[in-house]
């Protein structure tokens, strides 16, 4: 059910924003809008199908953890 709702909301957002971006020939904004809307739609569908989506903060924590340890060792 949520998949259908997310599809309808995505279609409504696209139909609302696309014509104004097209008429004003804002090609970069249109491309960025389409990519972000597609990514959001895919994540919504994956979430509604109970696919395990990793948390981005886990990757950021693993990336900066060595720096935090180095600074902690340096300071104290």
PDB file of N, CA and C in Angstrom:
ATOM      1  N   UNK A   1       0.810  -1.182   0.000  1.00  0.00           N
ATOM      2  CA  UNK A   1       0.000   0.000   0.000  1.00  0.00           C
ATOM      3  C   UNK A   1       0.864   1.261   0.000  1.00  0.00           C
ATOM      4  N   UNK A   2       1.924   1.276   0.822  1.00  0.00           N
ATOM      5  CA  UNK A   2       2.777   2.458   0.875  1.00  0.00           C
ATOM      6  C   UNK A   2       3.545   2.655  -0.418  1.00  0.00           C
ATOM      7  N   UNK A   3       3.781   1.576  -1.122  1.00  0.00           N
ATOM      8  CA  UNK A   3       4.442   1.707  -2.413  1.00  0.00           C
ATOM      9  C   UNK A   3       3.557   2.495  -3.372  1.00  0.00           C
ATOM     10  N   UNK A   4       2.290   2.198  -3.371  1.00  0.00           N
ATOM     11  CA  UNK A   4       1.353   2.905  -4.240  1.00  0.00           C
ATOM     12  C   UNK A   4       1.249   4.370  -3.826  1.00  0.00           C
ATOM     13  N   UNK A   5       1.210   4.626  -2.533  1.00  0.00           N
ATOM     14  CA  UNK A   5       1.134   6.004  -2.044  1.00  0.00           C
ATOM     15  C   UNK A   5       2.390   6.774  -2.449  1.00  0.00           C
ATOM     16  N   UNK A   6       3.557   6.144  -2.305  1.00  0.00           N
ATOM     17  CA  UNK A   6       4.795   6.840  -2.682  1.00  0.00           C
ATOM     18  C   UNK A   6       4.849   7.083  -4.190  1.00  0.00           C
ATOM     19  N   UNK A   7       4.320   6.163  -4.977  1.00  0.00           N
ATOM     20  CA  UNK A   7       4.277   6.367  -6.424  1.00  0.00           C
ATOM     21  C   UNK A   7       3.362   7.535  -6.779  1.00  0.00           C
ATOM     22  N   UNK A   8       2.215   7.631  -6.122  1.00  0.00           N
ATOM     23  CA  UNK A   8       1.286   8.722  -6.394  1.00  0.00           C
ATOM     24  C   UNK A   8       1.860  10.067  -5.969  1.00  0.00           C
ATOM     25  N   UNK A   9       2.485  10.112  -4.814  1.00  0.00           N
ATOM     26  CA  UNK A   9       3.075  11.360  -4.340  1.00  0.00           C
ATOM     27  C   UNK A   9       4.201  11.793  -5.268  1.00  0.00           C
ATOM     28  N   UNK A  10       5.027  10.845  -5.703  1.00  0.00           N
ATOM     29  CA  UNK A  10       6.116  11.165  -6.625  1.00  0.00           C
ATOM     30  C   UNK A  10       5.574  11.686  -7.943  1.00  0.00           C
ATOM     31  N   UNK A  11       4.530  11.067  -8.444  1.00  0.00           N
ATOM     32  CA  UNK A  11       3.930  11.527  -9.703  1.00  0.00           C
ATOM     33  C   UNK A  11       3.346  12.929  -9.551  1.00  0.00           C
ATOM     34  N   UNK A  12       2.700  13.187  -8.425  1.00  0.00           N
ATOM     35  CA  UNK A  12       2.125  14.523  -8.201  1.00  0.00           C
ATOM     36  C   UNK A  12       3.213  15.591  -8.095  1.00  0.00           C
ATOM     37  N   UNK A  13       4.275  15.292  -7.384  1.00  0.00           N
ATOM     38  CA  UNK A  13       5.380  16.247  -7.266  1.00  0.00           C
ATOM     39  C   UNK A  13       5.994  16.501  -8.633  1.00  0.00           C
ATOM     40  N   UNK A  14       6.189  15.448  -9.404  1.00  0.00           N
ATOM     41  CA  UNK A  14       6.785  15.593 -10.733  1.00  0.00           C
ATOM     42  C   UNK A  14       5.886  16.428 -11.645  1.00  0.00           C
ATOM     43  N   UNK A  15       4.582  16.143 -11.624  1.00  0.00           N
ATOM     44  CA  UNK A  15       3.656  16.893 -12.481  1.00  0.00           C
ATOM     45  C   UNK A  15       3.540  18.353 -12.049  1.00  0.00           C
ATOM     46  N   UNK A  16       3.772  18.651 -10.785  1.00  0.00           N
ATOM     47  CA  UNK A  16       3.691  20.015 -10.285  1.00  0.00           C
ATOM     48  C   UNK A  16       4.932  20.826 -10.664  1.00  0.00           C
ATOM     49  N   UNK A  17       6.114  20.224 -10.541  1.00  0.00           N
ATOM     50  CA  UNK A  17       7.360  20.961 -10.722  1.00  0.00           C
ATOM     51  C   UNK A  17       7.905  20.926 -12.151  1.00  0.00           C
ATOM     52  N   UNK A  18       7.707  19.849 -12.861  1.00  0.00           N
ATOM     53  CA  UNK A  18       8.327  19.668 -14.178  1.00  0.00           C
ATOM     54  C   UNK A  18       7.948  20.752 -15.191  1.00  0.00           C
ATOM     55  N   UNK A  19       6.680  21.095 -15.349  1.00  0.00           N
ATOM     56  CA  UNK A  19       6.347  22.088 -16.389  1.00  0.00           C
ATOM     57  C   UNK A  19       7.013  23.448 -16.185  1.00  0.00           C
ATOM     58  N   UNK A  20       7.072  23.914 -14.954  1.00  0.00           N
ATOM     59  CA  UNK A  20       7.686  25.229 -14.724  1.00  0.00           C
ATOM     60  C   UNK A  20       9.186  25.197 -14.991  1.00  0.00           C
ATOM     61  N   UNK A  21       9.843  24.110 -14.631  1.00  0.00           N
ATOM     62  CA  UNK A  21      11.277  23.998 -14.906  1.00  0.00           C
ATOM     63  C   UNK A  21      11.532  23.873 -16.405  1.00  0.00           C
ATOM     64  N   UNK A  22      10.668  23.170 -17.104  1.00  0.00           N
ATOM     65  CA  UNK A  22      10.830  22.988 -18.546  1.00  0.00           C
ATOM     66  C   UNK A  22      10.603  24.294 -19.302  1.00  0.00           C
ATOM     67  N   UNK A  23       9.544  25.033 -18.923  1.00  0.00           N
ATOM     68  CA  UNK A  23       9.222  26.280 -19.609  1.00  0.00           C
ATOM     69  C   UNK A  23      10.301  27.334 -19.418  1.00  0.00           C
ATOM     70  N   UNK A  24      10.889  27.372 -18.239  1.00  0.00           N
ATOM     71  CA  UNK A  24      11.920  28.370 -17.974  1.00  0.00           C
ATOM     72  C   UNK A  24      13.305  27.884 -18.397  1.00  0.00           C
ATOM     73  N   UNK A  25      13.367  26.705 -19.004  1.00  0.00           N
ATOM     74  CA  UNK A  25      14.598  26.116 -19.543  1.00  0.00           C
ATOM     75  C   UNK A  25      15.717  26.036 -18.501  1.00  0.00           C
ATOM     76  N   UNK A  26      15.367  25.603 -17.330  1.00  0.00           N
ATOM     77  CA  UNK A  26      16.338  25.401 -16.264  1.00  0.00           C
ATOM     78  C   UNK A  26      16.781  23.938 -16.294  1.00  0.00           C
ATOM     79  N   UNK A  27      17.681  23.637 -17.215  1.00  0.00           N
ATOM     80  CA  UNK A  27      18.046  22.245 -17.485  1.00  0.00           C
ATOM     81  C   UNK A  27      18.809  21.614 -16.328  1.00  0.00           C
ATOM     82  N   UNK A  28      19.720  22.352 -15.719  1.00  0.00           N
ATOM     83  CA  UNK A  28      20.485  21.778 -14.600  1.00  0.00           C
ATOM     84  C   UNK A  28      19.580  21.505 -13.405  1.00  0.00           C
ATOM     85  N   UNK A  29      18.695  22.435 -13.101  1.00  0.00           N
ATOM     86  CA  UNK A  29      17.769  22.246 -12.000  1.00  0.00           C
ATOM     87  C   UNK A  29      16.817  21.082 -12.278  1.00  0.00           C
ATOM     88  N   UNK A  30      16.406  20.951 -13.530  1.00  0.00           N
ATOM     89  CA  UNK A  30      15.527  19.848 -13.911  1.00  0.00           C
ATOM     90  C   UNK A  30      16.239  18.512 -13.750  1.00  0.00           C
ATOM     91  N   UNK A  31      17.497  18.460 -14.156  1.00  0.00           N
ATOM     92  CA  UNK A  31      18.265  17.222 -14.005  1.00  0.00           C
ATOM     93  C   UNK A  31      18.476  16.860 -12.544  1.00  0.00           C
ATOM     94  N   UNK A  32      18.839  17.852 -11.742  1.00  0.00           N
ATOM     95  CA  UNK A  32      19.038  17.622 -10.316  1.00  0.00           C
ATOM     96  C   UNK A  32      17.729  17.203  -9.656  1.00  0.00           C
ATOM     97  N   UNK A  33      16.642  17.863 -10.011  1.00  0.00           N
ATOM     98  CA  UNK A  33      15.326  17.527  -9.476  1.00  0.00           C
ATOM     99  C   UNK A  33      14.948  16.091  -9.822  1.00  0.00           C
ATOM    100  N   UNK A  34      15.169  15.706 -11.076  1.00  0.00           N
ATOM    101  CA  UNK A  34      14.801  14.354 -11.507  1.00  0.00           C
ATOM    102  C   UNK A  34      15.628  13.295 -10.788  1.00  0.00           C
ATOM    103  N   UNK A  35      16.925  13.548 -10.633  1.00  0.00           N
ATOM    104  CA  UNK A  35      17.791  12.572  -9.960  1.00  0.00           C
ATOM    105  C   UNK A  35      17.400  12.430  -8.490  1.00  0.00           C
ATOM    106  N   UNK A  36      17.229  13.555  -7.799  1.00  0.00           N
ATOM    107  CA  UNK A  36      16.870  13.486  -6.376  1.00  0.00           C
ATOM    108  C   UNK A  36      15.498  12.870  -6.164  1.00  0.00           C
ATOM    109  N   UNK A  37      14.558  13.175  -7.045  1.00  0.00           N
ATOM    110  CA  UNK A  37      13.229  12.578  -6.931  1.00  0.00           C
ATOM    111  C   UNK A  37      13.290  11.070  -7.179  1.00  0.00           C
ATOM    112  N   UNK A  38      14.091  10.643  -8.141  1.00  0.00           N
ATOM    113  CA  UNK A  38      14.230   9.211  -8.421  1.00  0.00           C
ATOM    114  C   UNK A  38      14.891   8.483  -7.255  1.00  0.00           C
ATOM    115  N   UNK A  39      15.918   9.084  -6.666  1.00  0.00           N
ATOM    116  CA  UNK A  39      16.582   8.463  -5.518  1.00  0.00           C
ATOM    117  C   UNK A  39      15.613   8.355  -4.343  1.00  0.00           C
ATOM    118  N   UNK A  40      14.886   9.424  -4.081  1.00  0.00           N
ATOM    119  CA  UNK A  40      13.906   9.390  -2.998  1.00  0.00           C
ATOM    120  C   UNK A  40      12.808   8.366  -3.240  1.00  0.00           C
ATOM    121  N   UNK A  41      12.368   8.266  -4.480  1.00  0.00           N
ATOM    122  CA  UNK A  41      11.343   7.282  -4.816  1.00  0.00           C
ATOM    123  C   UNK A  41      11.864   5.864  -4.618  1.00  0.00           C
ATOM    124  N   UNK A  42      13.085   5.607  -5.080  1.00  0.00           N
ATOM    125  CA  UNK A  42      13.669   4.266  -4.911  1.00  0.00           C
ATOM    126  C   UNK A  42      13.837   3.916  -3.439  1.00  0.00           C
ATOM    127  N   UNK A  43      14.285   4.877  -2.635  1.00  0.00           N
ATOM    128  CA  UNK A  43      14.429   4.612  -1.203  1.00  0.00           C
ATOM    129  C   UNK A  43      13.075   4.356  -0.548  1.00  0.00           C
ATOM    130  N   UNK A  44      12.037   5.065  -0.961  1.00  0.00           N
ATOM    131  CA  UNK A  44      10.700   4.855  -0.408  1.00  0.00           C
ATOM    132  C   UNK A  44      10.170   3.470  -0.773  1.00  0.00           C
ATOM    133  N   UNK A  45      10.388   3.061  -2.005  1.00  0.00           N
ATOM    134  CA  UNK A  45       9.939   1.730  -2.431  1.00  0.00           C
ATOM    135  C   UNK A  45      10.714   0.645  -1.691  1.00  0.00           C
ATOM    136  N   UNK A  46      12.030   0.826  -1.568  1.00  0.00           N
ATOM    137  CA  UNK A  46      12.839  -0.157  -0.847  1.00  0.00           C
ATOM    138  C   UNK A  46      12.412  -0.250   0.618  1.00  0.00           C
ATOM    139  N   UNK A  47      12.107   0.886   1.218  1.00  0.00           N
ATOM    140  CA  UNK A  47      11.671   0.888   2.607  1.00  0.00           C
ATOM    141  C   UNK A  47      10.320   0.192   2.761  1.00  0.00           C
ATOM    142  N   UNK A  48       9.422   0.411   1.824  1.00  0.00           N
ATOM    143  CA  UNK A  48       8.108  -0.224   1.915  1.00  0.00           C
ATOM    144  C   UNK A  48       8.187  -1.725   1.656  1.00  0.00           C
ATOM    145  N   UNK A  49       9.227  -2.167   0.957  1.00  0.00           N
ATOM    146  CA  UNK A  49       9.412  -3.606   0.709  1.00  0.00           C
ATOM    147  C   UNK A  49      10.298  -4.264   1.767  1.00  0.00           C
ATOM    148  N   UNK A  50      10.596  -3.523   2.840  1.00  0.00           N
ATOM    149  CA  UNK A  50      11.392  -4.018   3.967  1.00  0.00           C
ATOM    150  C   UNK A  50      12.806  -4.422   3.579  1.00  0.00           C
ATOM    151  N   UNK A  51      13.402  -3.671   2.668  1.00  0.00           N
ATOM    152  CA  UNK A  51      14.801  -3.891   2.308  1.00  0.00           C
ATOM    153  C   UNK A  51      15.649  -3.168   3.343  1.00  0.00           C
ATOM    154  N   UNK A  52      16.717  -3.810   3.787  1.00  0.00           N
ATOM    155  CA  UNK A  52      17.593  -3.213   4.784  1.00  0.00           C
ATOM    156  C   UNK A  52      18.417  -2.109   4.122  1.00  0.00           C
ATOM    157  N   UNK A  53      18.141  -0.864   4.502  1.00  0.00           N
ATOM    158  CA  UNK A  53      18.847   0.293   3.955  1.00  0.00           C
ATOM    159  C   UNK A  53      19.853   0.746   5.010  1.00  0.00           C
ATOM    160  N   UNK A  54      21.147   0.779   4.668  1.00  0.00           N
ATOM    161  CA  UNK A  54      22.135   1.165   5.681  1.00  0.00           C
ATOM    162  C   UNK A  54      22.023   2.631   6.063  1.00  0.00           C
ATOM    163  N   UNK A  55      22.397   2.919   7.294  1.00  0.00           N
ATOM    164  CA  UNK A  55      22.370   4.281   7.810  1.00  0.00           C
ATOM    165  C   UNK A  55      23.644   4.996   7.367  1.00  0.00           C
ATOM    166  N   UNK A  56      23.554   6.157   6.728  1.00  0.00           N
ATOM    167  CA  UNK A  56      24.753   6.867   6.282  1.00  0.00           C
ATOM    168  C   UNK A  56      25.671   7.287   7.430  1.00  0.00           C
ATOM    169  N   UNK A  57      25.118   7.491   8.617  1.00  0.00           N
ATOM    170  CA  UNK A  57      25.948   7.900   9.743  1.00  0.00           C
ATOM    171  C   UNK A  57      26.925   6.815  10.170  1.00  0.00           C
ATOM    172  N   UNK A  58      26.601   5.552   9.920  1.00  0.00           N
ATOM    173  CA  UNK A  58      27.538   4.480  10.236  1.00  0.00           C
ATOM    174  C   UNK A  58      28.812   4.606   9.407  1.00  0.00           C
ATOM    175  N   UNK A  59      28.668   4.907   8.132  1.00  0.00           N
ATOM    176  CA  UNK A  59      29.831   5.096   7.263  1.00  0.00           C
ATOM    177  C   UNK A  59      30.643   6.315   7.648  1.00  0.00           C
ATOM    178  N   UNK A  60      29.962   7.401   8.007  1.00  0.00           N
ATOM    179  CA  UNK A  60      30.660   8.615   8.417  1.00  0.00           C
ATOM    180  C   UNK A  60      31.425   8.357   9.706  1.00  0.00           C
ATOM    181  N   UNK A  61      30.822   7.623  10.633  1.00  0.00           N
ATOM    182  CA  UNK A  61      31.493   7.301  11.896  1.00  0.00           C
ATOM    183  C   UNK A  61      32.741   6.466  11.650  1.00  0.00           C
ATOM    184  N   UNK A  62      32.653   5.467  10.781  1.00  0.00           N
ATOM    185  CA  UNK A  62      33.818   4.633  10.482  1.00  0.00           C
ATOM    186  C   UNK A  62      34.906   5.423   9.769  1.00  0.00           C
ATOM    187  N   UNK A  63      34.519   6.423   8.992  1.00  0.00           N
ATOM    188  CA  UNK A  63      35.492   7.232   8.281  1.00  0.00           C
ATOM    189  C   UNK A  63      36.266   8.139   9.229  1.00  0.00           C
ATOM    190  N   UNK A  64      35.572   8.759  10.176  1.00  0.00           N
ATOM    191  CA  UNK A  64      36.211   9.735  11.061  1.00  0.00           C
ATOM    192  C   UNK A  64      36.690   9.159  12.384  1.00  0.00           C
ATOM    193  N   UNK A  65      36.418   7.914  12.674  1.00  0.00           N
ATOM    194  CA  UNK A  65      36.826   7.319  13.947  1.00  0.00           C
ATOM    195  C   UNK A  65      38.341   7.304  14.139  1.00  0.00           C
ATOM    196  N   UNK A  66      39.134   6.965  13.128  1.00  0.00           N
ATOM    197  CA  UNK A  66      40.596   7.020  13.330  1.00  0.00           C
ATOM    198  C   UNK A  66      41.102   8.431  13.639  1.00  0.00           C
ATOM    199  N   UNK A  67      40.519   9.429  13.014  1.00  0.00           N
ATOM    200  CA  UNK A  67      40.913  10.811  13.305  1.00  0.00           C
ATOM    201  C   UNK A  67      40.567  11.186  14.738  1.00  0.00           C
ATOM    202  N   UNK A  68      39.419  10.750  15.212  1.00  0.00           N
ATOM    203  CA  UNK A  68      39.011  11.046  16.584  1.00  0.00           C
ATOM    204  C   UNK A  68      39.959  10.403  17.576  1.00  0.00           C
ATOM    205  N   UNK A  69      40.373   9.158  17.311  1.00  0.00           N
ATOM    206  CA  UNK A  69      41.321   8.497  18.200  1.00  0.00           C
ATOM    207  C   UNK A  69      42.686   9.173  18.168  1.00  0.00           C
ATOM    208  N   UNK A  70      43.109   9.598  16.999  1.00  0.00           N
ATOM    209  CA  UNK A  70      44.403  10.257  16.896  1.00  0.00           C
ATOM    210  C   UNK A  70      44.402  11.585  17.641  1.00  0.00           C
ATOM    211  N   UNK A  71      43.359  12.348  17.502  1.00  0.00           N
ATOM    212  CA  UNK A  71      43.268  13.637  18.205  1.00  0.00           C
ATOM    213  C   UNK A  71      43.149  13.413  19.695  1.00  0.00           C
ATOM    214  N   UNK A  72      42.405  12.403  20.089  1.00  0.00           N
ATOM    215  CA  UNK A  72      42.268  12.092  21.509  1.00  0.00           C
ATOM    216  C   UNK A  72      43.609  11.680  22.114  1.00  0.00           C
ATOM    217  N   UNK A  73      44.365  10.878  21.387  1.00  0.00           N
ATOM    218  CA  UNK A  73      45.691  10.466  21.877  1.00  0.00           C
ATOM    219  C   UNK A  73      46.650  11.652  21.912  1.00  0.00           C
ATOM    220  N   UNK A  74      46.534  12.540  20.957  1.00  0.00           N
ATOM    221  CA  UNK A  74      47.417  13.705  20.895  1.00  0.00           C
ATOM    222  C   UNK A  74      47.130  14.687  22.039  1.00  0.00           C
ATOM    223  N   UNK A  75      45.874  14.856  22.355  1.00  0.00           N
ATOM    224  CA  UNK A  75      45.497  15.830  23.381  1.00  0.00           C
ATOM    225  C   UNK A  75      45.504  15.282  24.803  1.00  0.00           C
ATOM    226  N   UNK A  76      45.473  13.998  24.890  1.00  0.00           N
ATOM    227  CA  UNK A  76      45.414  13.651  26.243  1.00  0.00           C
ATOM    228  C   UNK A  76      45.536  12.366  26.819  1.00  0.00           C
TER     229      UNK A  76
END
